Amino acid sequence: MSDHINKRKAEHITLCLTDQVTGEGITSGMEKVRLIHNALPEIDFNKISLATSFLGRDSVTPFLISSMTGGSEEATKINQNLAIAAEEQGWVLALGSTRALIEKEDYRESFLVRKYAPNIPIIANLGAVQLNYGFSIDQCQQIIDMTEANALVLHLNTIQEVIQTNGDTNFEKLLPKIEQLVETLTVPIGVKEVGWGIDGESAQQLRNVGIQFIDVAGAGGTSWSQVEKLRSADPIRKQAAEAFVDWGISTVESLVTVKEMVSDASVFASGGMKTGVDAAKAIALGADFVGFARSLLKDATTSAEAVIQMMKTRELELQMAMFGVGAATIDELKQTNRVELR
């Protein structure tokens, strides 16, 4: 089983780098959001601050490297480069699914990146469905201890698991198990989708059992049914995956509906985010953090310096957008009235 996980993780990286794995006929929705230019912002560009807070601790930026990979040889170097870059620029780092960390010692180093990023928040990650397949609270704590993570995010990936060979598809009665995990672990617990979005009703259910942050991970970026279609040797599943190429809730729609239903938990926006202007739009709509994933992956295969250059570009774009609407701080950007959803 664990050898299959290592192979799958390596294939995921290769496909996300080389093949068309984005959804078709659906976007993140960012093109429908307009920031209204302020010709007289009355602020000094050089004093614009990206500082914010992450679950009660200071953060240099509102940027997140969203969960991508781990558990393979190539993932080790990718995660090391991401960790070095995140530490340098003050981005939060979310690890790929850490199931492989527990089930096999091979490539365990791919998840153990705290030594490269001693100061930034690190989020460990596990498929929520694993709680229905024997994954215990003690093992979740073991993940936290081994990765020295500041939080744990549980990912929801129903459609992916159906297309994936030997996928885990029993999502029955997960909420009580999630609630028990929240009550037992001492770190904040969050939930994220993987690219099909979370609606307001689901977000409220999660918040009601104590979830402290929600990453909407909306449609418009990587489609994991497309990724698994390319991996699959099953002609029926490959054909069925095609019907879901435009499936999901756009990142913008998901963000807006979650914010309407959940006002007392942190909300992250990811899924098809391309620029710092997209980040500014998401924050203006209420996001606390903005996640980037596949757009950083190619640079992460090259070097930490290449990732840092991309990060600096995203940061400058966000600062310019803030200058453009007259927001000197992230809190001011959250409160701006210079945003329109068309």
C-alpha atoms as a PDB file:
ATOM      1  CA  MET A   1       0.000   0.000   0.000  1.00  0.00           C
ATOM      2  CA  SER A   2       2.677   2.501   1.023  1.00  0.00           C
ATOM      3  CA  ASP A   3       4.736   1.781  -2.131  1.00  0.00           C
ATOM      4  CA  HIS A   4       1.648   2.684  -4.146  1.00  0.00           C
ATOM      5  CA  ILE A   5       1.406   5.981  -2.220  1.00  0.00           C
ATOM      6  CA  ASN A   6       5.032   6.872  -3.050  1.00  0.00           C
ATOM      7  CA  LYS A   7       4.464   6.063  -6.726  1.00  0.00           C
ATOM      8  CA  ARG A   8       1.216   8.045  -6.793  1.00  0.00           C
ATOM      9  CA  LYS A   9       2.841  11.113  -5.251  1.00  0.00           C
ATOM     10  CA  ALA A  10       5.632  11.056  -7.826  1.00  0.00           C
ATOM     11  CA  GLU A  11       3.098  10.732 -10.646  1.00  0.00           C
ATOM     12  CA  HIS A  12       1.056  13.634  -9.267  1.00  0.00           C
ATOM     13  CA  ILE A  13       4.107  15.910  -9.454  1.00  0.00           C
ATOM     14  CA  THR A  14       4.935  14.829 -13.012  1.00  0.00           C
ATOM     15  CA  LEU A  15       1.372  15.316 -14.260  1.00  0.00           C
ATOM     16  CA  CYS A  16       0.947  18.706 -12.608  1.00  0.00           C
ATOM     17  CA  LEU A  17       4.167  19.863 -14.266  1.00  0.00           C
ATOM     18  CA  THR A  18       3.602  18.459 -17.734  1.00  0.00           C
ATOM     19  CA  ASP A  19      -0.079  17.893 -18.493  1.00  0.00           C
ATOM     20  CA  GLN A  20      -3.279  19.866 -18.759  1.00  0.00           C
ATOM     21  CA  VAL A  21      -4.808  19.311 -15.338  1.00  0.00           C
ATOM     22  CA  THR A  22      -6.869  22.449 -14.873  1.00  0.00           C
ATOM     23  CA  GLY A  23     -10.625  22.392 -15.065  1.00  0.00           C
ATOM     24  CA  GLU A  24     -12.307  23.524 -18.270  1.00  0.00           C
ATOM     25  CA  GLY A  25     -15.391  25.692 -18.567  1.00  0.00           C
ATOM     26  CA  ILE A  26     -14.999  26.991 -15.012  1.00  0.00           C
ATOM     27  CA  THR A  27     -12.771  29.698 -13.558  1.00  0.00           C
ATOM     28  CA  SER A  28     -11.841  30.933 -10.107  1.00  0.00           C
ATOM     29  CA  GLY A  29     -14.293  33.805 -10.649  1.00  0.00           C
ATOM     30  CA  MET A  30     -11.631  36.450 -10.038  1.00  0.00           C
ATOM     31  CA  GLU A  31     -12.357  37.995 -13.442  1.00  0.00           C
ATOM     32  CA  LYS A  32     -15.787  38.952 -12.042  1.00  0.00           C
ATOM     33  CA  VAL A  33     -14.248  40.910  -9.154  1.00  0.00           C
ATOM     34  CA  ARG A  34     -13.234  44.512  -9.762  1.00  0.00           C
ATOM     35  CA  LEU A  35     -11.132  46.696  -7.508  1.00  0.00           C
ATOM     36  CA  ILE A  36     -12.022  50.348  -8.035  1.00  0.00           C
ATOM     37  CA  HIS A  37      -8.966  52.519  -8.616  1.00  0.00           C
ATOM     38  CA  ASN A  38      -8.290  55.351  -6.190  1.00  0.00           C
ATOM     39  CA  ALA A  39      -6.334  58.100  -7.946  1.00  0.00           C
ATOM     40  CA  LEU A  40      -5.644  59.903  -4.654  1.00  0.00           C
ATOM     41  CA  PRO A  41      -4.849  57.183  -2.098  1.00  0.00           C
ATOM     42  CA  GLU A  42      -3.247  59.548   0.458  1.00  0.00           C
ATOM     43  CA  ILE A  43      -0.751  56.886   1.531  1.00  0.00           C
ATOM     44  CA  ASP A  44       2.987  56.306   1.051  1.00  0.00           C
ATOM     45  CA  PHE A  45       3.631  53.203  -1.063  1.00  0.00           C
ATOM     46  CA  ASN A  46       6.799  52.487   0.922  1.00  0.00           C
ATOM     47  CA  LYS A  47       4.773  52.302   4.134  1.00  0.00           C
ATOM     48  CA  ILE A  48       2.277  49.701   2.883  1.00  0.00           C
ATOM     49  CA  SER A  49       2.388  46.696   5.220  1.00  0.00           C
ATOM     50  CA  LEU A  50       1.474  43.107   4.380  1.00  0.00           C
ATOM     51  CA  ALA A  51       1.696  42.059   8.041  1.00  0.00           C
ATOM     52  CA  THR A  52      -1.245  40.166   9.486  1.00  0.00           C
ATOM     53  CA  SER A  53      -1.913  37.358  11.961  1.00  0.00           C
ATOM     54  CA  PHE A  54      -2.243  33.622  11.475  1.00  0.00           C
ATOM     55  CA  LEU A  55      -4.414  31.897  14.065  1.00  0.00           C
ATOM     56  CA  GLY A  56      -3.248  34.223  16.804  1.00  0.00           C
ATOM     57  CA  ARG A  57       0.416  34.549  15.832  1.00  0.00           C
ATOM     58  CA  ASP A  58       2.153  37.227  13.791  1.00  0.00           C
ATOM     59  CA  SER A  59       2.667  36.656  10.085  1.00  0.00           C
ATOM     60  CA  VAL A  60       4.751  38.785   7.733  1.00  0.00           C
ATOM     61  CA  THR A  61       2.348  38.281   4.820  1.00  0.00           C
ATOM     62  CA  PRO A  62      -1.186  36.986   4.125  1.00  0.00           C
ATOM     63  CA  PHE A  63       0.228  34.408   1.719  1.00  0.00           C
ATOM     64  CA  LEU A  64       0.061  30.634   2.009  1.00  0.00           C
ATOM     65  CA  ILE A  65       1.873  27.938   0.059  1.00  0.00           C
ATOM     66  CA  SER A  66      -1.031  25.542  -0.313  1.00  0.00           C
ATOM     67  CA  SER A  67      -0.647  21.801   0.239  1.00  0.00           C
ATOM     68  CA  MET A  68       1.010  20.123  -2.716  1.00  0.00           C
ATOM     69  CA  THR A  69       3.282  17.164  -2.223  1.00  0.00           C
ATOM     70  CA  GLY A  70       5.365  14.839  -0.072  1.00  0.00           C
ATOM     71  CA  GLY A  71       6.234  11.164   0.119  1.00  0.00           C
ATOM     72  CA  SER A  72       8.480  10.831  -2.929  1.00  0.00           C
ATOM     73  CA  GLU A  73      12.101  11.529  -3.844  1.00  0.00           C
ATOM     74  CA  GLU A  74      11.304  14.569  -5.981  1.00  0.00           C
ATOM     75  CA  ALA A  75       8.945  15.891  -3.312  1.00  0.00           C
ATOM     76  CA  THR A  76      11.821  16.030  -0.827  1.00  0.00           C
ATOM     77  CA  LYS A  77      13.696  18.662  -2.824  1.00  0.00           C
ATOM     78  CA  ILE A  78      10.507  20.522  -3.747  1.00  0.00           C
ATOM     79  CA  ASN A  79       9.415  20.839  -0.123  1.00  0.00           C
ATOM     80  CA  GLN A  80      12.870  21.870   1.016  1.00  0.00           C
ATOM     81  CA  ASN A  81      12.924  24.655  -1.578  1.00  0.00           C
ATOM     82  CA  LEU A  82       9.405  25.735  -0.620  1.00  0.00           C
ATOM     83  CA  ALA A  83      10.321  25.768   3.074  1.00  0.00           C
ATOM     84  CA  ILE A  84      13.482  27.826   2.522  1.00  0.00           C
ATOM     85  CA  ALA A  85      11.558  30.308   0.380  1.00  0.00           C
ATOM     86  CA  ALA A  86       8.626  30.503   2.794  1.00  0.00           C
ATOM     87  CA  GLU A  87      10.985  31.195   5.691  1.00  0.00           C
ATOM     88  CA  GLU A  88      12.757  33.916   3.707  1.00  0.00           C
ATOM     89  CA  GLN A  89       9.542  35.680   2.683  1.00  0.00           C
ATOM     90  CA  GLY A  90       7.355  34.947   5.692  1.00  0.00           C
ATOM     91  CA  TRP A  91       4.720  32.820   3.966  1.00  0.00           C
ATOM     92  CA  VAL A  92       2.750  30.121   5.767  1.00  0.00           C
ATOM     93  CA  LEU A  93       3.665  26.630   4.482  1.00  0.00           C
ATOM     94  CA  ALA A  94       1.117  23.822   4.198  1.00  0.00           C
ATOM     95  CA  LEU A  95       2.520  20.346   3.633  1.00  0.00           C
ATOM     96  CA  GLY A  96       1.145  17.772   1.257  1.00  0.00           C
ATOM     97  CA  SER A  97      -0.818  14.828   2.646  1.00  0.00           C
ATOM     98  CA  THR A  98       1.183  13.353   5.526  1.00  0.00           C
ATOM     99  CA  ARG A  99      -0.402   9.902   5.432  1.00  0.00           C
ATOM    100  CA  ALA A 100       2.781   8.601   3.819  1.00  0.00           C
ATOM    101  CA  LEU A 101       4.799  10.013   6.733  1.00  0.00           C
ATOM    102  CA  ILE A 102       3.175   7.498   9.077  1.00  0.00           C
ATOM    103  CA  GLU A 103       2.790   4.518   6.785  1.00  0.00           C
ATOM    104  CA  LYS A 104       6.327   4.277   5.398  1.00  0.00           C
ATOM    105  CA  GLU A 105       9.746   5.584   6.381  1.00  0.00           C
ATOM    106  CA  ASP A 106      10.842   6.074   2.758  1.00  0.00           C
ATOM    107  CA  TYR A 107      10.978   9.764   1.867  1.00  0.00           C
ATOM    108  CA  ARG A 108       9.944  10.737   5.406  1.00  0.00           C
ATOM    109  CA  GLU A 109      12.404  13.620   5.038  1.00  0.00           C
ATOM    110  CA  SER A 110      10.105  15.162   2.420  1.00  0.00           C
ATOM    111  CA  PHE A 111       7.785  16.247   5.242  1.00  0.00           C
ATOM    112  CA  LEU A 112      10.381  17.166   7.875  1.00  0.00           C
ATOM    113  CA  VAL A 113      11.167  20.707   6.768  1.00  0.00           C
ATOM    114  CA  ARG A 114      11.030  22.593  10.068  1.00  0.00           C
ATOM    115  CA  LYS A 115      14.842  22.850  10.093  1.00  0.00           C
ATOM    116  CA  TYR A 116      14.603  24.877   6.872  1.00  0.00           C
ATOM    117  CA  ALA A 117      11.770  27.043   8.200  1.00  0.00           C
ATOM    118  CA  PRO A 118      12.227  27.556  11.945  1.00  0.00           C
ATOM    119  CA  ASN A 119       9.988  30.596  12.348  1.00  0.00           C
ATOM    120  CA  ILE A 120       7.026  30.453   9.989  1.00  0.00           C
ATOM    121  CA  PRO A 121       3.728  28.640  10.642  1.00  0.00           C
ATOM    122  CA  ILE A 122       3.646  25.127   9.166  1.00  0.00           C
ATOM    123  CA  ILE A 123       0.380  23.289   8.545  1.00  0.00           C
ATOM    124  CA  ALA A 124       0.338  19.494   8.451  1.00  0.00           C
ATOM    125  CA  ASN A 125      -2.230  17.895   6.161  1.00  0.00           C
ATOM    126  CA  LEU A 126      -4.250  14.671   6.122  1.00  0.00           C
ATOM    127  CA  GLY A 127      -7.201  13.398   4.124  1.00  0.00           C
ATOM    128  CA  ALA A 128     -10.252  13.631   6.369  1.00  0.00           C
ATOM    129  CA  VAL A 129     -11.517  10.332   4.947  1.00  0.00           C
ATOM    130  CA  GLN A 130      -8.547   8.536   6.550  1.00  0.00           C
ATOM    131  CA  LEU A 131     -10.374   8.913   9.876  1.00  0.00           C
ATOM    132  CA  ASN A 132     -12.773   6.293   8.452  1.00  0.00           C
ATOM    133  CA  TYR A 133      -9.918   3.980   7.443  1.00  0.00           C
ATOM    134  CA  GLY A 134      -8.265   3.395  10.791  1.00  0.00           C
ATOM    135  CA  PHE A 135      -6.226   6.577  11.099  1.00  0.00           C
ATOM    136  CA  SER A 136      -6.231   7.352  14.818  1.00  0.00           C
ATOM    137  CA  ILE A 137      -6.053  10.531  16.858  1.00  0.00           C
ATOM    138  CA  ASP A 138      -2.712   9.309  18.214  1.00  0.00           C
ATOM    139  CA  GLN A 139      -1.372   9.078  14.659  1.00  0.00           C
ATOM    140  CA  CYS A 140      -2.610  12.603  13.972  1.00  0.00           C
ATOM    141  CA  GLN A 141      -0.716  13.767  17.056  1.00  0.00           C
ATOM    142  CA  GLN A 142       2.323  11.860  15.818  1.00  0.00           C
ATOM    143  CA  ILE A 143       2.147  13.840  12.557  1.00  0.00           C
ATOM    144  CA  ILE A 144       2.058  17.095  14.501  1.00  0.00           C
ATOM    145  CA  ASP A 145       4.997  16.040  16.654  1.00  0.00           C
ATOM    146  CA  MET A 146       7.140  14.810  13.766  1.00  0.00           C
ATOM    147  CA  THR A 147       6.551  17.812  11.514  1.00  0.00           C
ATOM    148  CA  GLU A 148       6.537  20.333  14.397  1.00  0.00           C
ATOM    149  CA  ALA A 149       3.448  21.792  12.741  1.00  0.00           C
ATOM    150  CA  ASN A 150       1.433  24.676  14.179  1.00  0.00           C
ATOM    151  CA  ALA A 151      -1.875  23.401  12.799  1.00  0.00           C
ATOM    152  CA  LEU A 152      -3.479  20.460  11.012  1.00  0.00           C
ATOM    153  CA  VAL A 153      -5.710  20.749   7.965  1.00  0.00           C
ATOM    154  CA  LEU A 154      -7.997  17.917   6.879  1.00  0.00           C
ATOM    155  CA  HIS A 155      -8.581  17.805   3.137  1.00  0.00           C
ATOM    156  CA  LEU A 156     -11.854  16.788   1.488  1.00  0.00           C
ATOM    157  CA  ASN A 157     -11.466  15.182  -1.941  1.00  0.00           C
ATOM    158  CA  THR A 158     -14.549  13.080  -2.683  1.00  0.00           C
ATOM    159  CA  ILE A 159     -14.518  13.191  -6.486  1.00  0.00           C
ATOM    160  CA  GLN A 160     -10.767  12.539  -6.638  1.00  0.00           C
ATOM    161  CA  GLU A 161     -11.055   9.428  -4.486  1.00  0.00           C
ATOM    162  CA  VAL A 162     -13.677   7.919  -6.819  1.00  0.00           C
ATOM    163  CA  ILE A 163     -11.515   8.340  -9.931  1.00  0.00           C
ATOM    164  CA  GLN A 164      -8.299   7.398  -8.132  1.00  0.00           C
ATOM    165  CA  THR A 165      -7.333   3.738  -8.378  1.00  0.00           C
ATOM    166  CA  ASN A 166      -8.241   2.059  -5.081  1.00  0.00           C
ATOM    167  CA  GLY A 167      -9.473   5.391  -3.725  1.00  0.00           C
ATOM    168  CA  ASP A 168     -10.985   5.727  -0.241  1.00  0.00           C
ATOM    169  CA  THR A 169     -14.631   6.648  -0.750  1.00  0.00           C
ATOM    170  CA  ASN A 170     -16.342   6.061   2.612  1.00  0.00           C
ATOM    171  CA  PHE A 171     -17.129   9.604   3.745  1.00  0.00           C
ATOM    172  CA  GLU A 172     -19.904   8.489   6.139  1.00  0.00           C
ATOM    173  CA  LYS A 173     -20.173  10.107   9.581  1.00  0.00           C
ATOM    174  CA  LEU A 174     -16.930  12.060   9.365  1.00  0.00           C
ATOM    175  CA  LEU A 175     -18.215  15.076  11.306  1.00  0.00           C
ATOM    176  CA  PRO A 176     -18.258  13.284  14.698  1.00  0.00           C
ATOM    177  CA  LYS A 177     -14.708  12.030  14.107  1.00  0.00           C
ATOM    178  CA  ILE A 178     -13.565  15.522  13.114  1.00  0.00           C
ATOM    179  CA  GLU A 179     -15.207  16.918  16.261  1.00  0.00           C
ATOM    180  CA  GLN A 180     -13.380  14.375  18.421  1.00  0.00           C
ATOM    181  CA  LEU A 181     -10.088  15.304  16.751  1.00  0.00           C
ATOM    182  CA  VAL A 182     -10.712  19.017  17.379  1.00  0.00           C
ATOM    183  CA  GLU A 183     -11.482  18.325  21.043  1.00  0.00           C
ATOM    184  CA  THR A 184      -8.375  16.191  21.553  1.00  0.00           C
ATOM    185  CA  LEU A 185      -5.519  17.823  19.652  1.00  0.00           C
ATOM    186  CA  THR A 186      -3.983  20.983  21.056  1.00  0.00           C
ATOM    187  CA  VAL A 187      -3.205  22.654  17.713  1.00  0.00           C
ATOM    188  CA  PRO A 188      -5.829  24.426  15.567  1.00  0.00           C
ATOM    189  CA  ILE A 189      -7.660  22.140  13.150  1.00  0.00           C
ATOM    190  CA  GLY A 190      -8.838  23.341   9.746  1.00  0.00           C
ATOM    191  CA  VAL A 191     -10.503  21.847   6.697  1.00  0.00           C
ATOM    192  CA  LYS A 192      -9.790  22.418   3.021  1.00  0.00           C
ATOM    193  CA  GLU A 193     -11.145  21.253  -0.279  1.00  0.00           C
ATOM    194  CA  VAL A 194      -8.738  20.279  -3.064  1.00  0.00           C
ATOM    195  CA  GLY A 195     -10.178  22.300  -5.927  1.00  0.00           C
ATOM    196  CA  TRP A 196     -13.965  21.954  -5.970  1.00  0.00           C
ATOM    197  CA  GLY A 197     -14.838  24.484  -3.286  1.00  0.00           C
ATOM    198  CA  ILE A 198     -16.702  24.505   0.021  1.00  0.00           C
ATOM    199  CA  ASP A 199     -20.201  25.954   0.289  1.00  0.00           C
ATOM    200  CA  GLY A 200     -21.553  28.005   3.177  1.00  0.00           C
ATOM    201  CA  GLU A 201     -23.701  25.225   4.612  1.00  0.00           C
ATOM    202  CA  SER A 202     -20.796  22.766   4.765  1.00  0.00           C
ATOM    203  CA  ALA A 203     -18.606  25.465   6.297  1.00  0.00           C
ATOM    204  CA  GLN A 204     -21.168  26.085   9.011  1.00  0.00           C
ATOM    205  CA  GLN A 205     -21.357  22.365   9.797  1.00  0.00           C
ATOM    206  CA  LEU A 206     -17.574  22.287  10.138  1.00  0.00           C
ATOM    207  CA  ARG A 207     -17.500  25.370  12.312  1.00  0.00           C
ATOM    208  CA  ASN A 208     -20.194  23.890  14.539  1.00  0.00           C
ATOM    209  CA  VAL A 209     -17.862  20.998  15.423  1.00  0.00           C
ATOM    210  CA  GLY A 210     -15.035  23.390  16.263  1.00  0.00           C
ATOM    211  CA  ILE A 211     -13.045  23.759  13.051  1.00  0.00           C
ATOM    212  CA  GLN A 212     -10.926  26.932  13.393  1.00  0.00           C
ATOM    213  CA  PHE A 213     -10.043  27.683   9.776  1.00  0.00           C
ATOM    214  CA  ILE A 214     -11.494  26.841   6.380  1.00  0.00           C
ATOM    215  CA  ASP A 215      -9.619  26.907   3.076  1.00  0.00           C
ATOM    216  CA  VAL A 216     -12.284  27.080   0.374  1.00  0.00           C
ATOM    217  CA  ALA A 217      -9.902  25.717  -2.327  1.00  0.00           C
ATOM    218  CA  GLY A 218     -12.390  26.514  -5.060  1.00  0.00           C
ATOM    219  CA  ALA A 219     -12.654  25.460  -8.673  1.00  0.00           C
ATOM    220  CA  GLY A 220     -10.636  27.277 -11.301  1.00  0.00           C
ATOM    221  CA  GLY A 221      -7.212  25.776 -10.712  1.00  0.00           C
ATOM    222  CA  THR A 222      -6.015  22.191 -10.676  1.00  0.00           C
ATOM    223  CA  SER A 223      -8.757  19.594 -11.188  1.00  0.00           C
ATOM    224  CA  TRP A 224      -7.856  16.409  -9.353  1.00  0.00           C
ATOM    225  CA  SER A 225     -10.362  14.380 -11.343  1.00  0.00           C
ATOM    226  CA  GLN A 226      -8.321  15.368 -14.407  1.00  0.00           C
ATOM    227  CA  VAL A 227      -5.076  14.409 -12.663  1.00  0.00           C
ATOM    228  CA  GLU A 228      -6.453  11.004 -11.676  1.00  0.00           C
ATOM    229  CA  LYS A 229      -7.943  10.518 -15.144  1.00  0.00           C
ATOM    230  CA  LEU A 230      -4.458  10.815 -16.606  1.00  0.00           C
ATOM    231  CA  ARG A 231      -3.138   8.271 -14.082  1.00  0.00           C
ATOM    232  CA  SER A 232      -5.959   5.775 -14.454  1.00  0.00           C
ATOM    233  CA  ALA A 233      -5.843   2.605 -16.525  1.00  0.00           C
ATOM    234  CA  ASP A 234      -9.581   2.081 -16.045  1.00  0.00           C
ATOM    235  CA  PRO A 235     -11.432   3.173 -19.215  1.00  0.00           C
ATOM    236  CA  ILE A 236     -14.734   3.605 -17.350  1.00  0.00           C
ATOM    237  CA  ARG A 237     -13.248   5.901 -14.732  1.00  0.00           C
ATOM    238  CA  LYS A 238     -11.295   7.838 -17.383  1.00  0.00           C
ATOM    239  CA  GLN A 239     -14.513   8.433 -19.316  1.00  0.00           C
ATOM    240  CA  ALA A 240     -16.474   9.360 -16.182  1.00  0.00           C
ATOM    241  CA  ALA A 241     -13.810  11.885 -15.141  1.00  0.00           C
ATOM    242  CA  GLU A 242     -14.453  13.862 -18.325  1.00  0.00           C
ATOM    243  CA  ALA A 243     -17.976  14.660 -17.104  1.00  0.00           C
ATOM    244  CA  PHE A 244     -16.458  16.514 -14.130  1.00  0.00           C
ATOM    245  CA  VAL A 245     -14.052  18.767 -15.996  1.00  0.00           C
ATOM    246  CA  ASP A 246     -16.193  21.806 -15.141  1.00  0.00           C
ATOM    247  CA  TRP A 247     -17.338  20.593 -11.713  1.00  0.00           C
ATOM    248  CA  GLY A 248     -17.163  22.640  -8.545  1.00  0.00           C
ATOM    249  CA  ILE A 249     -17.822  25.963  -6.876  1.00  0.00           C
ATOM    250  CA  SER A 250     -15.620  28.818  -8.072  1.00  0.00           C
ATOM    251  CA  THR A 251     -13.175  30.230  -5.539  1.00  0.00           C
ATOM    252  CA  VAL A 252     -14.995  33.566  -5.462  1.00  0.00           C
ATOM    253  CA  GLU A 253     -18.446  32.041  -5.007  1.00  0.00           C
ATOM    254  CA  SER A 254     -17.139  29.688  -2.351  1.00  0.00           C
ATOM    255  CA  LEU A 255     -15.364  32.490  -0.489  1.00  0.00           C
ATOM    256  CA  VAL A 256     -18.427  34.740  -0.485  1.00  0.00           C
ATOM    257  CA  THR A 257     -20.850  32.028   0.647  1.00  0.00           C
ATOM    258  CA  VAL A 258     -18.533  30.747   3.376  1.00  0.00           C
ATOM    259  CA  LYS A 259     -18.009  34.273   4.722  1.00  0.00           C
ATOM    260  CA  GLU A 260     -21.774  34.783   4.788  1.00  0.00           C
ATOM    261  CA  MET A 261     -22.312  31.673   6.907  1.00  0.00           C
ATOM    262  CA  VAL A 262     -19.180  31.633   9.076  1.00  0.00           C
ATOM    263  CA  SER A 263     -18.054  34.868  10.716  1.00  0.00           C
ATOM    264  CA  ASP A 264     -15.897  33.584  13.582  1.00  0.00           C
ATOM    265  CA  ALA A 265     -13.350  31.350  11.830  1.00  0.00           C
ATOM    266  CA  SER A 266     -10.405  32.200   9.598  1.00  0.00           C
ATOM    267  CA  VAL A 267     -11.146  31.736   5.906  1.00  0.00           C
ATOM    268  CA  PHE A 268      -8.442  31.103   3.311  1.00  0.00           C
ATOM    269  CA  ALA A 269      -8.888  31.575  -0.424  1.00  0.00           C
ATOM    270  CA  SER A 270      -7.118  29.223  -2.819  1.00  0.00           C
ATOM    271  CA  GLY A 271      -7.912  27.614  -6.136  1.00  0.00           C
ATOM    272  CA  GLY A 272      -6.758  29.160  -9.396  1.00  0.00           C
ATOM    273  CA  MET A 273      -5.030  32.126  -7.769  1.00  0.00           C
ATOM    274  CA  LYS A 274      -2.564  33.569 -10.260  1.00  0.00           C
ATOM    275  CA  THR A 275      -1.425  37.034  -9.143  1.00  0.00           C
ATOM    276  CA  GLY A 276      -1.140  39.357  -6.198  1.00  0.00           C
ATOM    277  CA  VAL A 277      -4.087  41.247  -7.670  1.00  0.00           C
ATOM    278  CA  ASP A 278      -6.147  38.057  -7.288  1.00  0.00           C
ATOM    279  CA  ALA A 279      -4.946  37.981  -3.686  1.00  0.00           C
ATOM    280  CA  ALA A 280      -6.020  41.590  -3.151  1.00  0.00           C
ATOM    281  CA  LYS A 281      -9.466  40.823  -4.547  1.00  0.00           C
ATOM    282  CA  ALA A 282      -9.839  37.788  -2.288  1.00  0.00           C
ATOM    283  CA  ILE A 283      -8.787  39.734   0.804  1.00  0.00           C
ATOM    284  CA  ALA A 284     -11.166  42.561  -0.112  1.00  0.00           C
ATOM    285  CA  LEU A 285     -13.920  39.918  -0.224  1.00  0.00           C
ATOM    286  CA  GLY A 286     -13.004  38.736   3.258  1.00  0.00           C
ATOM    287  CA  ALA A 287     -10.190  36.178   2.956  1.00  0.00           C
ATOM    288  CA  ASP A 288      -7.666  36.122   5.787  1.00  0.00           C
ATOM    289  CA  PHE A 289      -5.019  34.258   3.765  1.00  0.00           C
ATOM    290  CA  VAL A 290      -4.534  33.523   0.088  1.00  0.00           C
ATOM    291  CA  GLY A 291      -3.015  30.269  -1.119  1.00  0.00           C
ATOM    292  CA  PHE A 292      -0.865  29.521  -4.171  1.00  0.00           C
ATOM    293  CA  ALA A 293       0.101  26.015  -5.213  1.00  0.00           C
ATOM    294  CA  ARG A 294       0.753  24.789  -8.760  1.00  0.00           C
ATOM    295  CA  SER A 295       1.972  28.231  -9.899  1.00  0.00           C
ATOM    296  CA  LEU A 296       4.933  27.748  -7.509  1.00  0.00           C
ATOM    297  CA  LEU A 297       5.577  24.088  -8.314  1.00  0.00           C
ATOM    298  CA  LYS A 298       7.791  24.466 -11.381  1.00  0.00           C
ATOM    299  CA  ASP A 299      10.050  26.983  -9.638  1.00  0.00           C
ATOM    300  CA  ALA A 300      10.227  24.695  -6.595  1.00  0.00           C
ATOM    301  CA  THR A 301      11.714  21.957  -8.770  1.00  0.00           C
ATOM    302  CA  THR A 302      14.487  24.396  -9.709  1.00  0.00           C
ATOM    303  CA  SER A 303      15.608  26.247  -6.590  1.00  0.00           C
ATOM    304  CA  ALA A 304      14.508  28.153  -3.517  1.00  0.00           C
ATOM    305  CA  GLU A 305      15.750  31.322  -5.211  1.00  0.00           C
ATOM    306  CA  ALA A 306      13.361  30.817  -8.125  1.00  0.00           C
ATOM    307  CA  VAL A 307      10.468  30.388  -5.683  1.00  0.00           C
ATOM    308  CA  ILE A 308      11.525  33.512  -3.778  1.00  0.00           C
ATOM    309  CA  GLN A 309      11.532  35.548  -6.991  1.00  0.00           C
ATOM    310  CA  MET A 310       7.978  34.410  -7.738  1.00  0.00           C
ATOM    311  CA  MET A 311       6.914  35.200  -4.175  1.00  0.00           C
ATOM    312  CA  LYS A 312       8.392  38.689  -4.360  1.00  0.00           C
ATOM    313  CA  THR A 313       6.435  39.287  -7.555  1.00  0.00           C
ATOM    314  CA  ARG A 314       3.160  38.231  -5.887  1.00  0.00           C
ATOM    315  CA  GLU A 315       3.954  40.473  -2.908  1.00  0.00           C
ATOM    316  CA  LEU A 316       4.681  43.491  -5.108  1.00  0.00           C
ATOM    317  CA  GLU A 317       1.469  42.926  -7.044  1.00  0.00           C
ATOM    318  CA  LEU A 318      -0.501  42.860  -3.802  1.00  0.00           C
ATOM    319  CA  GLN A 319       1.182  46.035  -2.550  1.00  0.00           C
ATOM    320  CA  MET A 320       0.460  47.772  -5.850  1.00  0.00           C
ATOM    321  CA  ALA A 321      -3.202  46.738  -5.693  1.00  0.00           C
ATOM    322  CA  MET A 322      -3.396  48.039  -2.127  1.00  0.00           C
ATOM    323  CA  PHE A 323      -1.841  51.316  -3.302  1.00  0.00           C
ATOM    324  CA  GLY A 324      -4.370  51.379  -6.116  1.00  0.00           C
ATOM    325  CA  VAL A 325      -7.341  51.279  -3.736  1.00  0.00           C
ATOM    326  CA  GLY A 326      -5.747  53.298  -0.945  1.00  0.00           C
ATOM    327  CA  ALA A 327      -5.253  50.552   1.650  1.00  0.00           C
ATOM    328  CA  ALA A 328      -2.082  50.830   3.734  1.00  0.00           C
ATOM    329  CA  THR A 329      -2.652  47.622   5.723  1.00  0.00           C
ATOM    330  CA  ILE A 330      -4.259  44.226   5.254  1.00  0.00           C
ATOM    331  CA  ASP A 331      -7.002  45.205   7.714  1.00  0.00           C
ATOM    332  CA  GLU A 332      -7.772  48.298   5.620  1.00  0.00           C
ATOM    333  CA  LEU A 333      -7.912  46.143   2.490  1.00  0.00           C
ATOM    334  CA  LYS A 334     -10.396  43.819   4.219  1.00  0.00           C
ATOM    335  CA  GLN A 335     -12.596  46.814   4.982  1.00  0.00           C
ATOM    336  CA  THR A 336     -12.353  48.604   1.631  1.00  0.00           C
ATOM    337  CA  ASN A 337     -15.542  49.535  -0.181  1.00  0.00           C
ATOM    338  CA  ARG A 338     -13.624  49.698  -3.449  1.00  0.00           C
ATOM    339  CA  VAL A 339     -14.531  46.156  -4.507  1.00  0.00           C
ATOM    340  CA  GLU A 340     -17.311  45.088  -6.823  1.00  0.00           C
ATOM    341  CA  LEU A 341     -18.526  41.590  -7.664  1.00  0.00           C
ATOM    342  CA  ARG A 342     -20.101  41.612 -11.102  1.00  0.00           C
END
